[in-house]
Every structure is written in C-alpha cells, then in structure tokens.
C-alpha atoms as a PDB file:
ATOM      1  CA  MET A   1     101.985  88.173  75.315  1.00  0.00           C
ATOM      2  CA  LYS A   2      99.278  86.066  72.505  1.00  0.00           C
ATOM      3  CA  LEU A   3     100.767  86.931  69.276  1.00  0.00           C
ATOM      4  CA  SER A   4      97.432  87.438  67.395  1.00  0.00           C
ATOM      5  CA  ASN A   5      93.475  88.801  68.115  1.00  0.00           C
ATOM      6  CA  ASN A   6      95.044  91.400  69.624  1.00  0.00           C
ATOM      7  CA  LYS A   7      93.292  95.073  69.451  1.00  0.00           C
ATOM      8  CA  ILE A   8      97.302  97.367  69.607  1.00  0.00           C
ATOM      9  CA  LEU A   9      97.522 100.975  69.748  1.00  0.00           C
ATOM     10  CA  ILE A  10     101.102 101.955  68.600  1.00  0.00           C
ATOM     11  CA  THR A  11     102.314 105.274  69.238  1.00  0.00           C
ATOM     12  CA  GLY A  12     104.918 106.991  66.664  1.00  0.00           C
ATOM     13  CA  GLY A  13     103.621 103.987  64.498  1.00  0.00           C
ATOM     14  CA  ALA A  14     103.962 106.169  60.897  1.00  0.00           C
ATOM     15  CA  SER A  15     107.678 105.264  60.438  1.00  0.00           C
ATOM     16  CA  GLY A  16     110.512 103.337  61.751  1.00  0.00           C
ATOM     17  CA  ILE A  17     110.161 100.649  64.252  1.00  0.00           C
ATOM     18  CA  GLY A  18     106.715 101.761  65.154  1.00  0.00           C
ATOM     19  CA  PHE A  19     105.433 101.035  61.431  1.00  0.00           C
ATOM     20  CA  GLY A  20     108.051  97.554  61.036  1.00  0.00           C
ATOM     21  CA  LEU A  21     106.111  96.845  64.450  1.00  0.00           C
ATOM     22  CA  ALA A  22     102.335  97.637  63.168  1.00  0.00           C
ATOM     23  CA  GLU A  23     102.871  96.253  59.886  1.00  0.00           C
ATOM     24  CA  ARG A  24     104.255  92.437  61.419  1.00  0.00           C
ATOM     25  CA  PHE A  25     101.469  92.751  64.184  1.00  0.00           C
ATOM     26  CA  ILE A  26      98.790  92.999  60.968  1.00  0.00           C
ATOM     27  CA  LYS A  27     100.807  89.790  59.284  1.00  0.00           C
ATOM     28  CA  GLU A  28     100.216  87.870  63.098  1.00  0.00           C
ATOM     29  CA  ASN A  29      96.304  88.576  62.149  1.00  0.00           C
ATOM     30  CA  ASN A  30      95.959  91.780  64.750  1.00  0.00           C
ATOM     31  CA  THR A  31      93.885  95.007  64.136  1.00  0.00           C
ATOM     32  CA  VAL A  32      96.130  97.913  64.839  1.00  0.00           C
ATOM     33  CA  ILE A  33      95.847 101.391  65.547  1.00  0.00           C
ATOM     34  CA  ILE A  34      98.732 103.781  65.510  1.00  0.00           C
ATOM     35  CA  CYS A  35      98.942 107.553  65.981  1.00  0.00           C
ATOM     36  CA  GLY A  36     101.199 110.031  65.524  1.00  0.00           C
ATOM     37  CA  ARG A  37     101.589 113.797  64.563  1.00  0.00           C
ATOM     38  CA  ARG A  38     101.903 114.304  60.543  1.00  0.00           C
ATOM     39  CA  GLU A  39      98.551 113.330  58.988  1.00  0.00           C
ATOM     40  CA  GLU A  40     100.969 113.140  55.545  1.00  0.00           C
ATOM     41  CA  ALA A  41     102.806 110.048  57.125  1.00  0.00           C
ATOM     42  CA  LEU A  42      99.736 108.253  58.764  1.00  0.00           C
ATOM     43  CA  LYS A  43      97.941 108.764  55.270  1.00  0.00           C
ATOM     44  CA  GLU A  44     101.035 106.875  53.782  1.00  0.00           C
ATOM     45  CA  ALA A  45     101.412 104.202  56.422  1.00  0.00           C
ATOM     46  CA  ALA A  46      97.548 103.355  55.686  1.00  0.00           C
ATOM     47  CA  GLY A  47      98.083 103.292  52.177  1.00  0.00           C
ATOM     48  CA  LYS A  48     100.789 100.787  53.094  1.00  0.00           C
ATOM     49  CA  LEU A  49      99.101  97.983  55.408  1.00  0.00           C
ATOM     50  CA  PRO A  50      95.289  97.482  54.193  1.00  0.00           C
ATOM     51  CA  GLY A  51      93.154  97.608  57.712  1.00  0.00           C
ATOM     52  CA  LEU A  52      95.185 100.084  59.849  1.00  0.00           C
ATOM     53  CA  ILE A  53      93.001 102.094  61.964  1.00  0.00           C
ATOM     54  CA  THR A  54      95.218 106.320  62.438  1.00  0.00           C
ATOM     55  CA  ARG A  55      94.176 108.638  64.581  1.00  0.00           C
ATOM     56  CA  GLN A  56      96.478 112.245  64.569  1.00  0.00           C
ATOM     57  CA  CYS A  57      97.447 113.438  67.856  1.00  0.00           C
ATOM     58  CA  ASP A  58     100.476 115.144  68.931  1.00  0.00           C
ATOM     59  CA  LEU A  59     101.545 113.392  71.792  1.00  0.00           C
ATOM     60  CA  SER A  60     103.570 116.213  73.737  1.00  0.00           C
ATOM     61  CA  VAL A  61     100.411 117.825  74.330  1.00  0.00           C
ATOM     62  CA  GLU A  62      98.501 116.813  77.343  1.00  0.00           C
ATOM     63  CA  ALA A  63      94.715 117.016  76.084  1.00  0.00           C
ATOM     64  CA  ASP A  64      95.474 115.628  72.524  1.00  0.00           C
ATOM     65  CA  ARG A  65      96.917 112.423  74.992  1.00  0.00           C
ATOM     66  CA  ILE A  66      93.600 112.762  76.690  1.00  0.00           C
ATOM     67  CA  ASP A  67      91.638 113.286  73.313  1.00  0.00           C
ATOM     68  CA  LEU A  68      93.440 110.164  72.238  1.00  0.00           C
ATOM     69  CA  TYR A  69      92.110 108.237  75.272  1.00  0.00           C
ATOM     70  CA  ASN A  70      88.618 109.251  74.671  1.00  0.00           C
ATOM     71  CA  TRP A  71      88.441 108.098  71.335  1.00  0.00           C
ATOM     72  CA  ILE A  72      89.991 104.795  71.982  1.00  0.00           C
ATOM     73  CA  ALA A  73      87.282 103.879  74.866  1.00  0.00           C
ATOM     74  CA  GLU A  74      84.371 105.061  72.519  1.00  0.00           C
ATOM     75  CA  ASN A  75      85.126 103.546  69.573  1.00  0.00           C
ATOM     76  CA  HIS A  76      87.767 100.740  70.290  1.00  0.00           C
ATOM     77  CA  GLY A  77      86.910  99.842  74.099  1.00  0.00           C
ATOM     78  CA  ASP A  78      88.415  96.345  73.450  1.00  0.00           C
ATOM     79  CA  LEU A  79      91.787  97.354  73.032  1.00  0.00           C
ATOM     80  CA  ASN A  80      94.033  94.828  74.331  1.00  0.00           C
ATOM     81  CA  VAL A  81      97.403  96.249  73.729  1.00  0.00           C
ATOM     82  CA  LEU A  82      99.698  99.373  74.378  1.00  0.00           C
ATOM     83  CA  VAL A  83     103.030 100.003  72.619  1.00  0.00           C
ATOM     84  CA  ASN A  84     105.071 103.359  73.918  1.00  0.00           C
ATOM     85  CA  ASN A  85     107.186 103.195  70.653  1.00  0.00           C
ATOM     86  CA  ALA A  86     106.687 106.867  70.109  1.00  0.00           C
ATOM     87  CA  GLY A  87     110.230 109.014  70.973  1.00  0.00           C
ATOM     88  CA  ILE A  88     112.436 111.721  69.558  1.00  0.00           C
ATOM     89  CA  GLN A  89     115.666 112.479  69.191  1.00  0.00           C
ATOM     90  CA  ASN A  90     118.159 115.495  69.174  1.00  0.00           C
ATOM     91  CA  TRP A  91     122.016 115.962  68.668  1.00  0.00           C
ATOM     92  CA  MET A  92     123.202 118.500  70.420  1.00  0.00           C
ATOM     93  CA  GLN A  93     125.328 119.980  72.745  1.00  0.00           C
ATOM     94  CA  ILE A  94     124.141 121.729  76.184  1.00  0.00           C
ATOM     95  CA  THR A  95     125.555 125.133  74.628  1.00  0.00           C
ATOM     96  CA  ASP A  96     123.708 124.812  71.626  1.00  0.00           C
ATOM     97  CA  GLU A  97     121.482 128.455  71.005  1.00  0.00           C
ATOM     98  CA  GLY A  98     117.631 126.494  71.814  1.00  0.00           C
ATOM     99  CA  PHE A  99     118.939 123.265  73.692  1.00  0.00           C
ATOM    100  CA  PHE A 100     116.227 124.064  76.909  1.00  0.00           C
ATOM    101  CA  ASN A 101     113.377 123.615  73.890  1.00  0.00           C
ATOM    102  CA  LYS A 102     114.274 120.842  72.269  1.00  0.00           C
ATOM    103  CA  ALA A 103     115.157 119.037  75.539  1.00  0.00           C
ATOM    104  CA  SER A 104     111.957 120.106  76.900  1.00  0.00           C
ATOM    105  CA  GLN A 105     110.538 118.364  73.725  1.00  0.00           C
ATOM    106  CA  GLU A 106     112.410 115.034  74.082  1.00  0.00           C
ATOM    107  CA  VAL A 107     111.131 115.110  78.155  1.00  0.00           C
ATOM    108  CA  SER A 108     107.532 115.985  77.051  1.00  0.00           C
ATOM    109  CA  ILE A 109     107.524 112.969  74.307  1.00  0.00           C
ATOM    110  CA  ASN A 110     109.620 110.598  75.742  1.00  0.00           C
ATOM    111  CA  ILE A 111     108.761 110.575  79.032  1.00  0.00           C
ATOM    112  CA  LEU A 112     105.405 112.683  80.334  1.00  0.00           C
ATOM    113  CA  ALA A 113     103.649 111.016  77.027  1.00  0.00           C
ATOM    114  CA  PRO A 114     104.383 107.816  77.695  1.00  0.00           C
ATOM    115  CA  LEU A 115     103.807 107.814  81.343  1.00  0.00           C
ATOM    116  CA  HIS A 116     100.067 109.599  80.958  1.00  0.00           C
ATOM    117  CA  LEU A 117      98.716 107.433  78.525  1.00  0.00           C
ATOM    118  CA  THR A 118     100.181 104.187  80.979  1.00  0.00           C
ATOM    119  CA  ASN A 119      97.911 106.175  83.831  1.00  0.00           C
ATOM    120  CA  LEU A 120      95.133 106.642  81.017  1.00  0.00           C
ATOM    121  CA  PHE A 121      95.101 103.286  79.188  1.00  0.00           C
ATOM    122  CA  LEU A 122      95.604 100.842  82.655  1.00  0.00           C
ATOM    123  CA  GLN A 123      91.491 102.171  83.264  1.00  0.00           C
ATOM    124  CA  LEU A 124      90.615 100.232  79.996  1.00  0.00           C
ATOM    125  CA  GLY A 125      89.400  97.081  81.707  1.00  0.00           C
ATOM    126  CA  SER A 126      90.453  95.159  78.625  1.00  0.00           C
ATOM    127  CA  LEU A 127      94.283  96.008  78.592  1.00  0.00           C
ATOM    128  CA  THR A 128      96.497  92.844  78.914  1.00  0.00           C
ATOM    129  CA  THR A 129      99.845  93.941  77.229  1.00  0.00           C
ATOM    130  CA  ILE A 130     101.675  97.392  78.193  1.00  0.00           C
ATOM    131  CA  MET A 131     104.985  97.559  75.505  1.00  0.00           C
ATOM    132  CA  ASN A 132     107.915 100.121  75.988  1.00  0.00           C
ATOM    133  CA  VAL A 133     109.972 100.503  73.758  1.00  0.00           C
ATOM    134  CA  THR A 134     113.159 101.749  75.177  1.00  0.00           C
ATOM    135  CA  SER A 135     116.911 102.168  73.571  1.00  0.00           C
ATOM    136  CA  GLY A 136     120.500 100.556  74.708  1.00  0.00           C
ATOM    137  CA  LEU A 137     121.605 104.310  75.171  1.00  0.00           C
ATOM    138  CA  ALA A 138     119.043 103.708  78.625  1.00  0.00           C
ATOM    139  CA  PHE A 139     122.470 101.827  79.580  1.00  0.00           C
ATOM    140  CA  VAL A 140     125.473 103.092  78.046  1.00  0.00           C
ATOM    141  CA  PRO A 141     124.971 106.900  76.931  1.00  0.00           C
ATOM    142  CA  PHE A 142     125.942 108.654  73.735  1.00  0.00           C
ATOM    143  CA  SER A 143     127.393 112.257  74.354  1.00  0.00           C
ATOM    144  CA  GLN A 144     125.912 113.324  71.186  1.00  0.00           C
ATOM    145  CA  VAL A 145     122.088 112.796  72.571  1.00  0.00           C
ATOM    146  CA  ALA A 146     122.422 113.258  75.879  1.00  0.00           C
ATOM    147  CA  VAL A 147     119.202 114.281  76.756  1.00  0.00           C
ATOM    148  CA  TYR A 148     117.717 110.972  74.629  1.00  0.00           C
ATOM    149  CA  SER A 149     119.789 108.726  76.678  1.00  0.00           C
ATOM    150  CA  ALA A 150     118.648 110.463  79.723  1.00  0.00           C
ATOM    151  CA  THR A 151     115.021 109.920  78.920  1.00  0.00           C
ATOM    152  CA  LYS A 152     115.582 106.166  77.754  1.00  0.00           C
ATOM    153  CA  ALA A 153     117.037 105.408  80.891  1.00  0.00           C
ATOM    154  CA  PHE A 154     114.438 107.308  83.140  1.00  0.00           C
ATOM    155  CA  PHE A 155     111.849 104.815  80.680  1.00  0.00           C
ATOM    156  CA  ARG A 156     113.537 101.841  81.681  1.00  0.00           C
ATOM    157  CA  SER A 157     113.446 102.161  84.904  1.00  0.00           C
ATOM    158  CA  PHE A 158     109.602 102.832  85.249  1.00  0.00           C
ATOM    159  CA  THR A 159     109.173  99.838  83.417  1.00  0.00           C
ATOM    160  CA  LEU A 160     111.174  97.748  85.970  1.00  0.00           C
ATOM    161  CA  THR A 161     109.068  98.915  88.196  1.00  0.00           C
ATOM    162  CA  LEU A 162     105.523  99.365  86.425  1.00  0.00           C
ATOM    163  CA  ARG A 163     105.784  95.453  85.536  1.00  0.00           C
ATOM    164  CA  HIS A 164     106.640  95.237  89.441  1.00  0.00           C
ATOM    165  CA  GLN A 165     103.377  96.994  90.183  1.00  0.00           C
ATOM    166  CA  LEU A 166     101.031  94.705  87.904  1.00  0.00           C
ATOM    167  CA  LYS A 167     102.704  91.377  88.486  1.00  0.00           C
ATOM    168  CA  ASN A 168      99.204  90.155  90.091  1.00  0.00           C
ATOM    169  CA  SER A 169      97.454  92.558  87.967  1.00  0.00           C
ATOM    170  CA  GLY A 170      97.391  90.481  84.871  1.00  0.00           C
ATOM    171  CA  ILE A 171      98.776  93.395  82.806  1.00  0.00           C
ATOM    172  CA  GLU A 172     101.986  91.678  80.879  1.00  0.00           C
ATOM    173  CA  VAL A 173     104.740  94.413  80.774  1.00  0.00           C
ATOM    174  CA  ILE A 174     107.545  94.155  77.810  1.00  0.00           C
ATOM    175  CA  GLU A 175     110.086  95.852  76.947  1.00  0.00           C
ATOM    176  CA  ILE A 176     111.618  96.559  73.687  1.00  0.00           C
ATOM    177  CA  VAL A 177     115.135  97.509  73.515  1.00  0.00           C
ATOM    178  CA  PRO A 178     116.821  98.232  70.500  1.00  0.00           C
ATOM    179  CA  PRO A 179     120.365  99.693  69.580  1.00  0.00           C
ATOM    180  CA  ALA A 180     120.746 101.789  66.832  1.00  0.00           C
ATOM    181  CA  ILE A 181     118.358 100.787  63.688  1.00  0.00           C
ATOM    182  CA  LYS A 182     118.166 102.144  60.051  1.00  0.00           C
ATOM    183  CA  THR A 183     115.899 104.662  60.613  1.00  0.00           C
ATOM    184  CA  ASP A 184     115.090 108.789  60.512  1.00  0.00           C
ATOM    185  CA  LEU A 185     115.880 108.925  64.472  1.00  0.00           C
ATOM    186  CA  GLY A 186     118.002 111.837  64.956  1.00  0.00           C
ATOM    187  CA  GLY A 187     117.529 112.917  61.298  1.00  0.00           C
ATOM    188  CA  GLN A 188     117.859 111.600  57.958  1.00  0.00           C
ATOM    189  CA  GLY A 189     120.620 109.355  57.043  1.00  0.00           C
ATOM    190  CA  ILE A 190     122.481 109.336  60.726  1.00  0.00           C
ATOM    191  CA  HIS A 191     121.581 105.961  61.325  1.00  0.00           C
ATOM    192  CA  ASN A 192     121.943 104.513  57.344  1.00  0.00           C
ATOM    193  CA  SER A 193     124.815 101.969  58.643  1.00  0.00           C
ATOM    194  CA  ALA A 194     122.584 100.415  61.199  1.00  0.00           C
ATOM    195  CA  PRO A 195     121.086  97.332  60.956  1.00  0.00           C
ATOM    196  CA  PRO A 196     117.488  97.244  59.033  1.00  0.00           C
ATOM    197  CA  VAL A 197     114.326  97.413  60.583  1.00  0.00           C
ATOM    198  CA  SER A 198     112.849  93.896  59.362  1.00  0.00           C
ATOM    199  CA  GLU A 199     115.932  92.280  61.193  1.00  0.00           C
ATOM    200  CA  PHE A 200     115.344  93.958  64.037  1.00  0.00           C
ATOM    201  CA  ILE A 201     111.607  92.990  63.980  1.00  0.00           C
ATOM    202  CA  GLN A 202     112.069  89.142  63.040  1.00  0.00           C
ATOM    203  CA  SER A 203     114.572  88.978  66.241  1.00  0.00           C
ATOM    204  CA  ILE A 204     111.807  90.876  68.396  1.00  0.00           C
ATOM    205  CA  PHE A 205     108.905  88.428  67.306  1.00  0.00           C
ATOM    206  CA  GLU A 206     111.606  85.459  67.934  1.00  0.00           C
ATOM    207  CA  GLN A 207     111.723  86.528  71.625  1.00  0.00           C
ATOM    208  CA  LEU A 208     107.689  87.092  72.158  1.00  0.00           C
ATOM    209  CA  HIS A 209     107.547  83.825  70.374  1.00  0.00           C
ATOM    210  CA  ASN A 210     109.539  82.556  73.068  1.00  0.00           C
ATOM    211  CA  GLY A 211     107.965  84.388  76.249  1.00  0.00           C
ATOM    212  CA  SER A 212     109.933  87.056  76.992  1.00  0.00           C
ATOM    213  CA  ASN A 213     109.301  90.137  78.402  1.00  0.00           C
ATOM    214  CA  GLU A 214     113.044  91.700  77.556  1.00  0.00           C
ATOM    215  CA  LEU A 215     113.504  92.178  74.052  1.00  0.00           C
ATOM    216  CA  THR A 216     117.043  92.561  72.941  1.00  0.00           C
ATOM    217  CA  PHE A 217     119.361  93.093  69.556  1.00  0.00           C
ATOM    218  CA  GLY A 218     122.120  93.291  68.533  1.00  0.00           C
ATOM    219  CA  THR A 219     124.205  95.611  71.112  1.00  0.00           C
ATOM    220  CA  SER A 220     121.773  96.032  73.140  1.00  0.00           C
ATOM    221  CA  GLU A 221     122.069  92.494  74.344  1.00  0.00           C
ATOM    222  CA  GLY A 222     125.277  93.025  75.881  1.00  0.00           C
ATOM    223  CA  ARG A 223     124.160  96.621  76.897  1.00  0.00           C
ATOM    224  CA  VAL A 224     121.526  94.997  78.876  1.00  0.00           C
ATOM    225  CA  LYS A 225     123.396  92.466  80.600  1.00  0.00           C
ATOM    226  CA  ALA A 226     126.590  94.886  81.194  1.00  0.00           C
ATOM    227  CA  ASN A 227     128.375  95.781  84.234  1.00  0.00           C
ATOM    228  CA  ASN A 228     130.247  98.575  86.075  1.00  0.00           C
ATOM    229  CA  ASP A 229     133.725  97.806  83.848  1.00  0.00           C
ATOM    230  CA  SER A 230     131.853  96.767  80.582  1.00  0.00           C
ATOM    231  CA  ILE A 231     129.555  99.976  80.785  1.00  0.00           C
ATOM    232  CA  ALA A 232     133.091 101.815  81.002  1.00  0.00           C
ATOM    233  CA  GLU A 233     133.815 100.007  78.245  1.00  0.00           C
ATOM    234  CA  TYR A 234     130.844 100.594  75.983  1.00  0.00           C
ATOM    235  CA  PHE A 235     130.957 104.503  77.306  1.00  0.00           C
ATOM    236  CA  SER A 236     134.682 104.863  75.923  1.00  0.00           C
ATOM    237  CA  LYS A 237     133.684 103.406  72.678  1.00  0.00           C
ATOM    238  CA  LEU A 238     130.657 105.511  72.226  1.00  0.00           C
ATOM    239  CA  ASN A 239     131.826 108.734  73.711  1.00  0.00           C
ATOM    240  CA  PRO A 240     135.634 108.837  72.312  1.00  0.00           C
ATOM    241  CA  SER A 241     138.130 111.517  74.163  1.00  0.00           C
END
C-alpha cells in the first residue's frame, strides 16, 4: 500500500484506533474521511484534525450504509482506501437481561456492516486497498466479551478469504490485529492499563512501510502465530477458572 496521496474512508474514525489512524494518515499527506454515529464526536475530531472530512451515519442501519456509499460515490468518487474499523464491545454474560439485543447490535456493527460496505465499495473503480481491523481475540476468545470475540473471529476468516478472492484484482487486503489498546472500547477505564494508541499506530505504520499485509502489535503477534497448545495457554490466562 502506498502511504500518501490516497483518499481514505475510516469507519468509526472519531475516537480510539480509528482516530489514531486518521491522524497519522493525514500526517502522511492523505485526504481522510471518517464516519460515525455521534455528530458531536465527529465535530470534536474535525476540530483536532484540520482538513478532516466527516459524515454522520449509523452503520447498524442498512439504509445508512447505502446512503454513505452513494454520498462517497457522488462526492468522493476517487476514494481508493476503505478502512473497516468501526466496532462495539459489550461485556456481558449470556444470562444477562438484554443479552440478545446487545449481541445482535454487535453482530450488526462488527460483521454485517463491514461485509455490506465491502460489497458496496468494491463497485468504486478507484478502490485499491481494503483494511480490516480485527482483534487478537479473534484467535483466543475472552469469555467476558464472548460475542465480540466471535465477531472478530468471523471477520478474520472473512478477511483471509477476501484477500484470496481479490488476489488478481489489483486490490490489496490488509488486516490490522490489535490487542487491548488504551481506548474506551467496551467502556471507559476498562483498558487504562493497556498500551496507548500512539504506540500501536507507530508500529502499524512501520509494518505498512515494510509492505506487510497482516499487522500485529504486542500480544497479538503471538496469537496470530499460535498453535493449539499455545491457544489453550492463552485461553487459560484470559479466562482463569
């Protein structure tokens, strides 16, 4: 992937990893568009990053996804990079009241939205790169976020097959595999002891400069390379009896 002179859409780009990617891509001389549900968060992000383009939409809603694509096609038809970053994480037990509604929302945003957006944006003749943000939990699930872990395992599998399907198309498929990072994913304060977004982004861009298409950081590197024995070891550490 060339790292400058792109036009890039980052879903969920107003905070966390998405905002970190937006900030760095702008520094690398790219035009960046972000989308998200909260208008106030989008305005705050735009205030921090001059030149940032924002679009409010709820990716859990099919019509909003279609409207987003149509808006891009009409106003930014030269967009060449799609970053499927938006995701939600619920800490819950299967016996919790409201479990199914929360699980359905996770599936909608973490799975259905990026699948639909990928299908839509492949219609843009200018598209050259798709970046999918999965998780180290795609390889070793954490029981407190069981549905989130499962959605990321799905997205990891889809990313591998997408890369295979598009191998002769000229479209590069890149997977970003973060471990826990200091963001508000799952709730404020939950990941305060995790590495900061800035360290993660620096590592990701070093790997991009080296031409990698599977980008890891910290503990996610070991999980990507795990075998059955090491997966069992990781699982025991994450999910003590």
